[in-house]
Amino acid sequence: MNKIGEVLFSESEILERVNDIAQEINNDYVNKNICFISILKGSFMFASDLMKQIKPDCEMDFLSISEFEGKSSTGQVQIKKDIDISIEGKHVILLENITNTGLTLNYLKKMLLARGPASVKIACFLKRSSIEKENIKIDYQGFQIKDNYLVGYGLDINQKFRNLKEIRHLQKVRK
């Protein structure tokens, strides 16, 4: 059984960091159109808050993938829903809520690069400190975290707790 634990990042801390990321992106893409691709389901809150801060003339699409069952990675990325728009010649920013292994982002970046965009960058709200050994570059990062299991702000456990405005630790409770 799981219990929601203490707050790791408050709503105000989250929104402040999202604003910082948006400003970095706006500065990097002056007079350039950006195509954001949000990885569902987890990044929807990050994507929504970020898009409110981005200058006009951007596109948005969604990918749905599967790598996890419950709390365990299957080690294989499966595309459940691909993007609907062409990204050829466009500047793409892939939006992810958390980097656990780097497998998903490496796979998706290679897949998107094969479609001929001008560039592909990654904005990831949470990056695990253990991911340093993976060969994945996060271009825009929210917070670095340890290997604790977290819920809220799009993060879930068995599809629950995504709706929390803050990010909290998840605790195991013995019966």
N, C-alpha and C. Protein backbone atom coordinates (compact mmCIF):
# COMPACT_ATOMS: atom_id res chain seq x y z
N MET A 1 0.85 -1.18 0.00
CA MET A 1 0.00 0.00 0.00
C MET A 1 0.89 1.25 0.00
N ASN A 2 0.45 2.28 -0.70
CA ASN A 2 1.22 3.51 -0.81
C ASN A 2 0.52 4.67 -0.13
N LYS A 3 1.32 5.58 0.38
CA LYS A 3 0.81 6.78 1.04
C LYS A 3 1.58 7.98 0.50
N ILE A 4 0.85 9.06 0.27
CA ILE A 4 1.50 10.28 -0.19
C ILE A 4 2.31 10.86 0.95
N GLY A 5 3.57 11.16 0.67
CA GLY A 5 4.48 11.69 1.68
C GLY A 5 4.61 13.19 1.61
N GLU A 6 5.73 13.67 2.12
CA GLU A 6 5.95 15.11 2.22
C GLU A 6 6.22 15.74 0.86
N VAL A 7 6.02 17.05 0.80
CA VAL A 7 6.21 17.82 -0.42
C VAL A 7 7.70 17.95 -0.71
N LEU A 8 8.08 17.63 -1.94
CA LEU A 8 9.46 17.83 -2.39
C LEU A 8 9.58 19.19 -3.09
N PHE A 9 8.63 19.49 -3.98
CA PHE A 9 8.58 20.78 -4.67
C PHE A 9 7.17 21.32 -4.59
N SER A 10 7.03 22.53 -4.06
CA SER A 10 5.71 23.16 -3.92
C SER A 10 5.23 23.67 -5.27
N GLU A 11 3.96 24.01 -5.33
CA GLU A 11 3.39 24.56 -6.56
C GLU A 11 4.14 25.83 -6.98
N SER A 12 4.45 26.70 -6.03
CA SER A 12 5.15 27.94 -6.38
C SER A 12 6.57 27.68 -6.88
N GLU A 13 7.27 26.71 -6.29
CA GLU A 13 8.62 26.35 -6.76
C GLU A 13 8.56 25.79 -8.18
N ILE A 14 7.55 24.97 -8.44
CA ILE A 14 7.38 24.38 -9.76
C ILE A 14 7.13 25.47 -10.80
N LEU A 15 6.18 26.36 -10.52
CA LEU A 15 5.82 27.40 -11.48
C LEU A 15 6.98 28.37 -11.73
N GLU A 16 7.75 28.64 -10.70
CA GLU A 16 8.92 29.52 -10.86
C GLU A 16 9.95 28.87 -11.79
N ARG A 17 10.19 27.58 -11.59
CA ARG A 17 11.17 26.89 -12.44
C ARG A 17 10.67 26.76 -13.87
N VAL A 18 9.37 26.49 -14.05
CA VAL A 18 8.80 26.41 -15.40
C VAL A 18 8.96 27.75 -16.10
N ASN A 19 8.73 28.85 -15.38
CA ASN A 19 8.90 30.18 -15.95
C ASN A 19 10.35 30.39 -16.40
N ASP A 20 11.31 29.95 -15.58
CA ASP A 20 12.73 30.07 -15.94
C ASP A 20 13.04 29.30 -17.23
N ILE A 21 12.51 28.08 -17.33
CA ILE A 21 12.73 27.26 -18.53
C ILE A 21 12.13 27.95 -19.75
N ALA A 22 10.92 28.49 -19.60
CA ALA A 22 10.26 29.19 -20.70
C ALA A 22 11.08 30.38 -21.18
N GLN A 23 11.65 31.12 -20.23
CA GLN A 23 12.48 32.27 -20.61
C GLN A 23 13.73 31.82 -21.37
N GLU A 24 14.34 30.72 -20.94
CA GLU A 24 15.50 30.18 -21.66
C GLU A 24 15.12 29.82 -23.09
N ILE A 25 13.99 29.14 -23.24
CA ILE A 25 13.53 28.73 -24.57
C ILE A 25 13.21 29.96 -25.42
N ASN A 26 12.48 30.91 -24.86
CA ASN A 26 12.15 32.14 -25.60
C ASN A 26 13.41 32.86 -26.06
N ASN A 27 14.43 32.91 -25.21
CA ASN A 27 15.70 33.56 -25.58
C ASN A 27 16.45 32.78 -26.67
N ASP A 28 16.39 31.46 -26.60
CA ASP A 28 17.11 30.62 -27.57
C ASP A 28 16.44 30.58 -28.95
N TYR A 29 15.15 30.86 -29.00
CA TYR A 29 14.40 30.71 -30.25
C TYR A 29 13.75 32.02 -30.70
N VAL A 30 14.47 33.13 -30.57
CA VAL A 30 13.97 34.42 -31.04
C VAL A 30 13.75 34.33 -32.56
N ASN A 31 12.57 34.72 -32.99
CA ASN A 31 12.20 34.71 -34.42
C ASN A 31 12.26 33.33 -35.06
N LYS A 32 12.10 32.29 -34.26
CA LYS A 32 12.05 30.92 -34.79
C LYS A 32 10.77 30.26 -34.31
N ASN A 33 10.18 29.49 -35.18
CA ASN A 33 8.99 28.73 -34.78
C ASN A 33 9.43 27.43 -34.12
N ILE A 34 8.74 27.09 -33.06
CA ILE A 34 9.07 25.88 -32.30
C ILE A 34 7.90 24.92 -32.39
N CYS A 35 8.22 23.65 -32.47
CA CYS A 35 7.21 22.60 -32.39
C CYS A 35 7.48 21.81 -31.11
N PHE A 36 6.57 21.93 -30.16
CA PHE A 36 6.69 21.18 -28.91
C PHE A 36 6.00 19.84 -29.07
N ILE A 37 6.64 18.79 -28.57
CA ILE A 37 6.03 17.47 -28.55
C ILE A 37 6.05 16.99 -27.11
N SER A 38 4.86 16.86 -26.56
CA SER A 38 4.70 16.44 -25.17
C SER A 38 4.51 14.93 -25.11
N ILE A 39 5.25 14.30 -24.22
CA ILE A 39 5.14 12.85 -24.04
C ILE A 39 4.06 12.59 -23.00
N LEU A 40 3.00 11.93 -23.46
CA LEU A 40 1.87 11.63 -22.57
C LEU A 40 2.14 10.35 -21.80
N LYS A 41 1.58 10.21 -20.68
CA LYS A 41 0.62 11.09 -20.05
C LYS A 41 1.30 12.07 -19.11
N GLY A 42 2.45 11.70 -18.62
CA GLY A 42 3.07 12.42 -17.52
C GLY A 42 3.40 13.87 -17.72
N SER A 43 3.78 14.27 -18.93
CA SER A 43 4.26 15.65 -19.10
C SER A 43 3.16 16.66 -19.38
N PHE A 44 1.89 16.26 -19.31
CA PHE A 44 0.82 17.18 -19.69
C PHE A 44 0.77 18.43 -18.81
N MET A 45 1.04 18.32 -17.53
CA MET A 45 0.99 19.51 -16.66
C MET A 45 2.18 20.43 -16.94
N PHE A 46 3.36 19.86 -17.08
CA PHE A 46 4.55 20.62 -17.43
C PHE A 46 4.33 21.32 -18.77
N ALA A 47 3.83 20.59 -19.76
CA ALA A 47 3.59 21.16 -21.09
C ALA A 47 2.59 22.31 -21.02
N SER A 48 1.52 22.13 -20.29
CA SER A 48 0.50 23.17 -20.18
C SER A 48 1.05 24.43 -19.54
N ASP A 49 1.74 24.28 -18.43
CA ASP A 49 2.31 25.45 -17.74
C ASP A 49 3.38 26.13 -18.59
N LEU A 50 4.19 25.35 -19.28
CA LEU A 50 5.25 25.90 -20.12
C LEU A 50 4.68 26.66 -21.30
N MET A 51 3.68 26.09 -21.96
CA MET A 51 3.10 26.71 -23.16
C MET A 51 2.50 28.08 -22.86
N LYS A 52 2.01 28.27 -21.66
CA LYS A 52 1.43 29.57 -21.27
C LYS A 52 2.49 30.67 -21.25
N GLN A 53 3.76 30.29 -21.15
CA GLN A 53 4.86 31.25 -21.04
C GLN A 53 5.64 31.44 -22.35
N ILE A 54 5.34 30.63 -23.35
CA ILE A 54 6.09 30.66 -24.60
C ILE A 54 5.50 31.71 -25.54
N LYS A 55 6.39 32.39 -26.25
CA LYS A 55 5.95 33.39 -27.22
C LYS A 55 5.12 32.72 -28.31
N PRO A 56 4.23 33.49 -28.95
CA PRO A 56 3.35 32.91 -29.99
C PRO A 56 4.13 32.26 -31.13
N ASP A 57 3.39 31.71 -32.06
CA ASP A 57 3.94 31.04 -33.24
C ASP A 57 4.67 29.76 -32.90
N CYS A 58 4.04 28.95 -32.10
CA CYS A 58 4.60 27.61 -31.85
C CYS A 58 3.51 26.58 -32.12
N GLU A 59 3.94 25.37 -32.34
CA GLU A 59 3.02 24.26 -32.54
C GLU A 59 3.15 23.30 -31.37
N MET A 60 2.12 22.48 -31.20
CA MET A 60 2.11 21.51 -30.10
C MET A 60 1.51 20.22 -30.61
N ASP A 61 2.15 19.11 -30.27
CA ASP A 61 1.59 17.80 -30.57
C ASP A 61 1.96 16.86 -29.43
N PHE A 62 1.44 15.66 -29.49
CA PHE A 62 1.59 14.72 -28.39
C PHE A 62 1.99 13.34 -28.90
N LEU A 63 2.82 12.70 -28.11
CA LEU A 63 3.22 11.30 -28.30
C LEU A 63 2.75 10.53 -27.08
N SER A 64 2.31 9.33 -27.28
CA SER A 64 2.01 8.46 -26.14
C SER A 64 2.88 7.22 -26.29
N ILE A 65 3.61 6.92 -25.23
CA ILE A 65 4.52 5.79 -25.26
C ILE A 65 4.29 4.92 -24.03
N SER A 66 4.89 3.77 -24.05
CA SER A 66 4.83 2.89 -22.90
C SER A 66 6.22 2.31 -22.66
N GLU A 67 6.68 2.46 -21.43
CA GLU A 67 7.93 1.82 -21.02
C GLU A 67 7.75 1.22 -19.63
N PHE A 68 6.73 1.69 -18.90
CA PHE A 68 6.55 1.29 -17.52
C PHE A 68 5.25 0.53 -17.30
N GLU A 69 5.31 -0.41 -16.39
CA GLU A 69 4.13 -1.07 -15.86
C GLU A 69 4.22 -0.93 -14.35
N GLY A 70 3.30 -0.17 -13.76
CA GLY A 70 3.40 0.13 -12.33
C GLY A 70 4.61 0.99 -12.08
N LYS A 71 5.57 0.49 -11.28
CA LYS A 71 6.79 1.25 -10.99
C LYS A 71 8.01 0.69 -11.71
N SER A 72 7.83 -0.35 -12.53
CA SER A 72 8.98 -1.02 -13.15
C SER A 72 9.07 -0.75 -14.65
N SER A 73 10.28 -0.48 -15.11
CA SER A 73 10.52 -0.28 -16.54
C SER A 73 10.54 -1.64 -17.23
N THR A 74 9.88 -1.70 -18.38
CA THR A 74 9.91 -2.93 -19.17
C THR A 74 11.18 -3.01 -20.01
N GLY A 75 11.87 -1.86 -20.16
CA GLY A 75 13.09 -1.82 -20.96
C GLY A 75 12.85 -1.66 -22.45
N GLN A 76 11.59 -1.60 -22.86
CA GLN A 76 11.26 -1.43 -24.27
C GLN A 76 10.30 -0.26 -24.42
N VAL A 77 10.57 0.60 -25.41
CA VAL A 77 9.70 1.73 -25.69
C VAL A 77 8.73 1.33 -26.79
N GLN A 78 7.46 1.54 -26.53
CA GLN A 78 6.43 1.26 -27.52
C GLN A 78 5.66 2.55 -27.79
N ILE A 79 5.50 2.91 -29.06
CA ILE A 79 4.72 4.09 -29.43
C ILE A 79 3.25 3.69 -29.44
N LYS A 80 2.46 4.32 -28.58
CA LYS A 80 1.02 4.06 -28.55
C LYS A 80 0.26 5.06 -29.42
N LYS A 81 0.77 6.31 -29.48
CA LYS A 81 0.19 7.36 -30.32
C LYS A 81 1.32 8.21 -30.85
N ASP A 82 1.45 8.26 -32.16
CA ASP A 82 2.50 9.06 -32.79
C ASP A 82 1.99 10.49 -32.99
N ILE A 83 2.91 11.40 -33.33
CA ILE A 83 2.51 12.78 -33.61
C ILE A 83 1.72 12.82 -34.92
N ASP A 84 0.89 13.86 -35.05
CA ASP A 84 0.04 14.01 -36.23
C ASP A 84 0.59 15.02 -37.23
N ILE A 85 1.59 15.80 -36.84
CA ILE A 85 2.10 16.86 -37.72
C ILE A 85 3.48 16.50 -38.27
N SER A 86 3.82 17.13 -39.37
CA SER A 86 5.16 16.96 -39.93
C SER A 86 6.12 17.87 -39.15
N ILE A 87 7.30 17.34 -38.84
CA ILE A 87 8.31 18.15 -38.15
C ILE A 87 9.49 18.47 -39.06
N GLU A 88 9.38 18.12 -40.31
CA GLU A 88 10.49 18.35 -41.25
C GLU A 88 10.84 19.84 -41.30
N GLY A 89 12.13 20.14 -41.07
CA GLY A 89 12.62 21.51 -41.12
C GLY A 89 12.27 22.37 -39.92
N LYS A 90 11.62 21.80 -38.92
CA LYS A 90 11.18 22.57 -37.74
C LYS A 90 12.11 22.35 -36.55
N HIS A 91 12.10 23.32 -35.65
CA HIS A 91 12.82 23.20 -34.39
C HIS A 91 11.89 22.51 -33.39
N VAL A 92 12.29 21.33 -32.95
CA VAL A 92 11.45 20.50 -32.09
C VAL A 92 12.01 20.52 -30.67
N ILE A 93 11.11 20.67 -29.71
CA ILE A 93 11.48 20.49 -28.30
C ILE A 93 10.57 19.41 -27.73
N LEU A 94 11.20 18.34 -27.31
CA LEU A 94 10.51 17.20 -26.72
C LEU A 94 10.32 17.47 -25.23
N LEU A 95 9.09 17.37 -24.75
CA LEU A 95 8.77 17.66 -23.35
C LEU A 95 8.52 16.38 -22.58
N GLU A 96 9.26 16.20 -21.48
CA GLU A 96 9.11 15.02 -20.63
C GLU A 96 9.04 15.47 -19.19
N ASN A 97 8.29 14.74 -18.38
CA ASN A 97 8.18 15.13 -16.97
C ASN A 97 9.34 14.62 -16.14
N ILE A 98 9.84 13.40 -16.43
CA ILE A 98 10.92 12.84 -15.62
C ILE A 98 11.78 11.90 -16.48
N THR A 99 13.08 11.96 -16.28
CA THR A 99 14.00 11.05 -16.93
C THR A 99 14.40 9.99 -15.91
N ASN A 100 13.99 8.77 -16.18
CA ASN A 100 14.31 7.67 -15.27
C ASN A 100 15.55 6.91 -15.71
N THR A 101 15.55 6.46 -16.95
CA THR A 101 16.67 5.65 -17.45
C THR A 101 17.38 6.30 -18.63
N GLY A 102 16.74 7.22 -19.31
CA GLY A 102 17.28 7.80 -20.53
C GLY A 102 16.88 7.02 -21.77
N LEU A 103 16.39 5.80 -21.59
CA LEU A 103 16.00 4.94 -22.70
C LEU A 103 14.94 5.60 -23.58
N THR A 104 13.88 6.09 -22.97
CA THR A 104 12.78 6.68 -23.72
C THR A 104 13.24 7.90 -24.51
N LEU A 105 13.93 8.81 -23.86
CA LEU A 105 14.36 10.03 -24.54
C LEU A 105 15.36 9.75 -25.65
N ASN A 106 16.29 8.84 -25.42
CA ASN A 106 17.24 8.46 -26.48
C ASN A 106 16.50 7.89 -27.69
N TYR A 107 15.56 7.00 -27.43
CA TYR A 107 14.78 6.37 -28.50
C TYR A 107 13.98 7.42 -29.28
N LEU A 108 13.26 8.28 -28.55
CA LEU A 108 12.41 9.27 -29.20
C LEU A 108 13.21 10.31 -29.97
N LYS A 109 14.34 10.73 -29.42
CA LYS A 109 15.16 11.73 -30.11
C LYS A 109 15.66 11.16 -31.44
N LYS A 110 16.15 9.93 -31.44
CA LYS A 110 16.60 9.29 -32.68
C LYS A 110 15.45 9.16 -33.68
N MET A 111 14.29 8.76 -33.18
CA MET A 111 13.12 8.60 -34.04
C MET A 111 12.73 9.93 -34.69
N LEU A 112 12.74 11.00 -33.90
CA LEU A 112 12.36 12.31 -34.42
C LEU A 112 13.42 12.86 -35.37
N LEU A 113 14.69 12.68 -35.06
CA LEU A 113 15.76 13.15 -35.95
C LEU A 113 15.68 12.51 -37.34
N ALA A 114 15.21 11.29 -37.40
CA ALA A 114 15.06 10.59 -38.68
C ALA A 114 13.98 11.23 -39.56
N ARG A 115 13.17 12.11 -38.98
CA ARG A 115 12.09 12.76 -39.73
C ARG A 115 12.49 14.13 -40.28
N GLY A 116 13.75 14.49 -40.16
CA GLY A 116 14.28 15.69 -40.80
C GLY A 116 13.97 17.04 -40.17
N PRO A 117 13.91 17.14 -38.85
CA PRO A 117 13.69 18.47 -38.25
C PRO A 117 14.97 19.31 -38.33
N ALA A 118 14.83 20.62 -38.15
CA ALA A 118 16.00 21.50 -38.09
C ALA A 118 16.82 21.19 -36.85
N SER A 119 16.15 20.86 -35.76
CA SER A 119 16.83 20.50 -34.51
C SER A 119 15.85 19.77 -33.60
N VAL A 120 16.40 19.00 -32.67
CA VAL A 120 15.59 18.37 -31.62
C VAL A 120 16.30 18.60 -30.30
N LYS A 121 15.61 19.25 -29.39
CA LYS A 121 16.13 19.46 -28.04
C LYS A 121 15.15 18.84 -27.05
N ILE A 122 15.64 18.67 -25.82
CA ILE A 122 14.83 18.02 -24.79
C ILE A 122 14.67 18.95 -23.60
N ALA A 123 13.41 19.11 -23.18
CA ALA A 123 13.09 19.81 -21.93
C ALA A 123 12.49 18.77 -21.00
N CYS A 124 13.16 18.54 -19.89
CA CYS A 124 12.72 17.53 -18.93
C CYS A 124 12.60 18.19 -17.56
N PHE A 125 11.44 18.06 -16.94
CA PHE A 125 11.23 18.76 -15.69
C PHE A 125 12.03 18.16 -14.54
N LEU A 126 12.09 16.85 -14.43
CA LEU A 126 12.85 16.19 -13.36
C LEU A 126 13.87 15.24 -13.97
N LYS A 127 15.09 15.34 -13.50
CA LYS A 127 16.16 14.45 -13.96
C LYS A 127 16.75 13.74 -12.76
N ARG A 128 16.74 12.43 -12.81
CA ARG A 128 17.33 11.64 -11.72
C ARG A 128 18.85 11.79 -11.75
N SER A 129 19.44 11.91 -10.57
CA SER A 129 20.90 12.06 -10.48
C SER A 129 21.61 10.82 -11.01
N SER A 130 20.98 9.67 -10.93
CA SER A 130 21.60 8.42 -11.39
C SER A 130 21.67 8.33 -12.91
N ILE A 131 21.02 9.23 -13.61
CA ILE A 131 20.98 9.19 -15.06
C ILE A 131 22.29 9.67 -15.69
N GLU A 132 23.19 10.23 -14.89
CA GLU A 132 24.45 10.77 -15.41
C GLU A 132 25.22 9.75 -16.24
N LYS A 133 25.07 8.48 -15.93
CA LYS A 133 25.81 7.46 -16.68
C LYS A 133 25.23 7.22 -18.08
N GLU A 134 24.01 7.66 -18.32
CA GLU A 134 23.37 7.50 -19.62
C GLU A 134 23.86 8.60 -20.57
N ASN A 135 23.84 8.32 -21.83
CA ASN A 135 24.28 9.29 -22.83
C ASN A 135 23.07 10.08 -23.33
N ILE A 136 22.51 10.92 -22.48
CA ILE A 136 21.35 11.72 -22.85
C ILE A 136 21.59 13.15 -22.41
N LYS A 137 21.41 14.08 -23.34
CA LYS A 137 21.59 15.50 -23.02
C LYS A 137 20.23 16.13 -22.79
N ILE A 138 20.04 16.68 -21.62
CA ILE A 138 18.83 17.44 -21.30
C ILE A 138 19.17 18.90 -21.54
N ASP A 139 18.51 19.52 -22.49
CA ASP A 139 18.82 20.90 -22.86
C ASP A 139 18.18 21.91 -21.90
N TYR A 140 17.00 21.59 -21.41
CA TYR A 140 16.27 22.45 -20.47
C TYR A 140 15.78 21.57 -19.34
N GLN A 141 16.26 21.84 -18.14
CA GLN A 141 15.98 20.97 -17.00
C GLN A 141 15.34 21.74 -15.86
N GLY A 142 14.34 21.12 -15.25
CA GLY A 142 13.71 21.71 -14.08
C GLY A 142 14.56 21.48 -12.84
N PHE A 143 14.44 20.30 -12.26
CA PHE A 143 15.16 19.96 -11.03
C PHE A 143 15.86 18.63 -11.19
N GLN A 144 16.98 18.47 -10.48
CA GLN A 144 17.64 17.17 -10.39
C GLN A 144 17.18 16.53 -9.08
N ILE A 145 16.87 15.25 -9.14
CA ILE A 145 16.34 14.55 -7.97
C ILE A 145 17.12 13.26 -7.73
N LYS A 146 16.91 12.71 -6.54
CA LYS A 146 17.49 11.40 -6.20
C LYS A 146 16.54 10.32 -6.69
N ASP A 147 16.81 9.11 -6.34
CA ASP A 147 16.02 7.99 -6.86
C ASP A 147 14.76 7.67 -6.07
N ASN A 148 14.17 8.64 -5.43
CA ASN A 148 12.93 8.41 -4.71
C ASN A 148 11.77 8.31 -5.69
N TYR A 149 10.71 7.60 -5.28
CA TYR A 149 9.52 7.54 -6.12
C TYR A 149 8.65 8.72 -5.77
N LEU A 150 8.19 9.43 -6.80
CA LEU A 150 7.46 10.68 -6.61
C LEU A 150 6.10 10.63 -7.29
N VAL A 151 5.18 11.45 -6.80
CA VAL A 151 3.86 11.60 -7.42
C VAL A 151 3.49 13.08 -7.45
N GLY A 152 2.56 13.40 -8.32
CA GLY A 152 2.05 14.76 -8.46
C GLY A 152 2.64 15.45 -9.66
N TYR A 153 1.98 16.51 -10.09
CA TYR A 153 2.40 17.31 -11.24
C TYR A 153 2.66 16.42 -12.46
N GLY A 154 1.72 15.49 -12.69
CA GLY A 154 1.80 14.58 -13.83
C GLY A 154 2.40 13.22 -13.51
N LEU A 155 3.13 13.11 -12.41
CA LEU A 155 3.73 11.83 -12.00
C LEU A 155 2.68 11.00 -11.29
N ASP A 156 2.66 9.70 -11.58
CA ASP A 156 1.61 8.86 -11.02
C ASP A 156 2.16 7.56 -10.45
N ILE A 157 1.30 6.89 -9.74
CA ILE A 157 1.49 5.49 -9.38
C ILE A 157 0.18 4.80 -9.76
N ASN A 158 0.27 3.92 -10.74
CA ASN A 158 -0.92 3.23 -11.26
C ASN A 158 -2.04 4.20 -11.63
N GLN A 159 -1.67 5.27 -12.32
CA GLN A 159 -2.57 6.30 -12.85
C GLN A 159 -3.19 7.21 -11.79
N LYS A 160 -2.73 7.15 -10.57
CA LYS A 160 -3.28 8.00 -9.50
C LYS A 160 -2.28 9.07 -9.10
N PHE A 161 -2.79 10.18 -8.60
CA PHE A 161 -2.04 11.31 -8.02
C PHE A 161 -1.40 12.24 -9.05
N ARG A 162 -1.68 12.06 -10.35
CA ARG A 162 -1.14 12.98 -11.36
C ARG A 162 -1.63 14.41 -11.14
N ASN A 163 -2.81 14.54 -10.57
CA ASN A 163 -3.48 15.83 -10.45
C ASN A 163 -2.95 16.72 -9.34
N LEU A 164 -2.06 16.25 -8.51
CA LEU A 164 -1.53 17.08 -7.43
C LEU A 164 -0.76 18.26 -8.01
N LYS A 165 -0.93 19.44 -7.43
CA LYS A 165 -0.26 20.65 -7.92
C LYS A 165 1.20 20.70 -7.52
N GLU A 166 1.57 19.91 -6.54
CA GLU A 166 2.95 19.85 -6.07
C GLU A 166 3.51 18.45 -6.33
N ILE A 167 4.81 18.30 -6.13
CA ILE A 167 5.45 16.99 -6.27
C ILE A 167 5.77 16.48 -4.87
N ARG A 168 5.34 15.25 -4.61
CA ARG A 168 5.49 14.66 -3.28
C ARG A 168 6.21 13.32 -3.37
N HIS A 169 6.81 12.95 -2.25
CA HIS A 169 7.38 11.61 -2.12
C HIS A 169 6.23 10.61 -1.99
N LEU A 170 6.46 9.39 -2.42
CA LEU A 170 5.51 8.31 -2.22
C LEU A 170 6.13 7.34 -1.22
N GLN A 171 5.37 7.02 -0.19
CA GLN A 171 5.88 6.14 0.87
C GLN A 171 5.16 4.81 0.84
N LYS A 172 5.91 3.76 1.07
CA LYS A 172 5.32 2.43 1.24
C LYS A 172 4.81 2.32 2.67
N VAL A 173 3.62 1.80 2.83
CA VAL A 173 3.04 1.61 4.15
C VAL A 173 2.82 0.12 4.36
N ARG A 174 3.36 -0.38 5.45
CA ARG A 174 3.15 -1.80 5.78
C ARG A 174 1.83 -1.95 6.50
N LYS A 175 1.15 -3.02 6.17
CA LYS A 175 -0.14 -3.28 6.83
C LYS A 175 0.07 -3.92 8.17
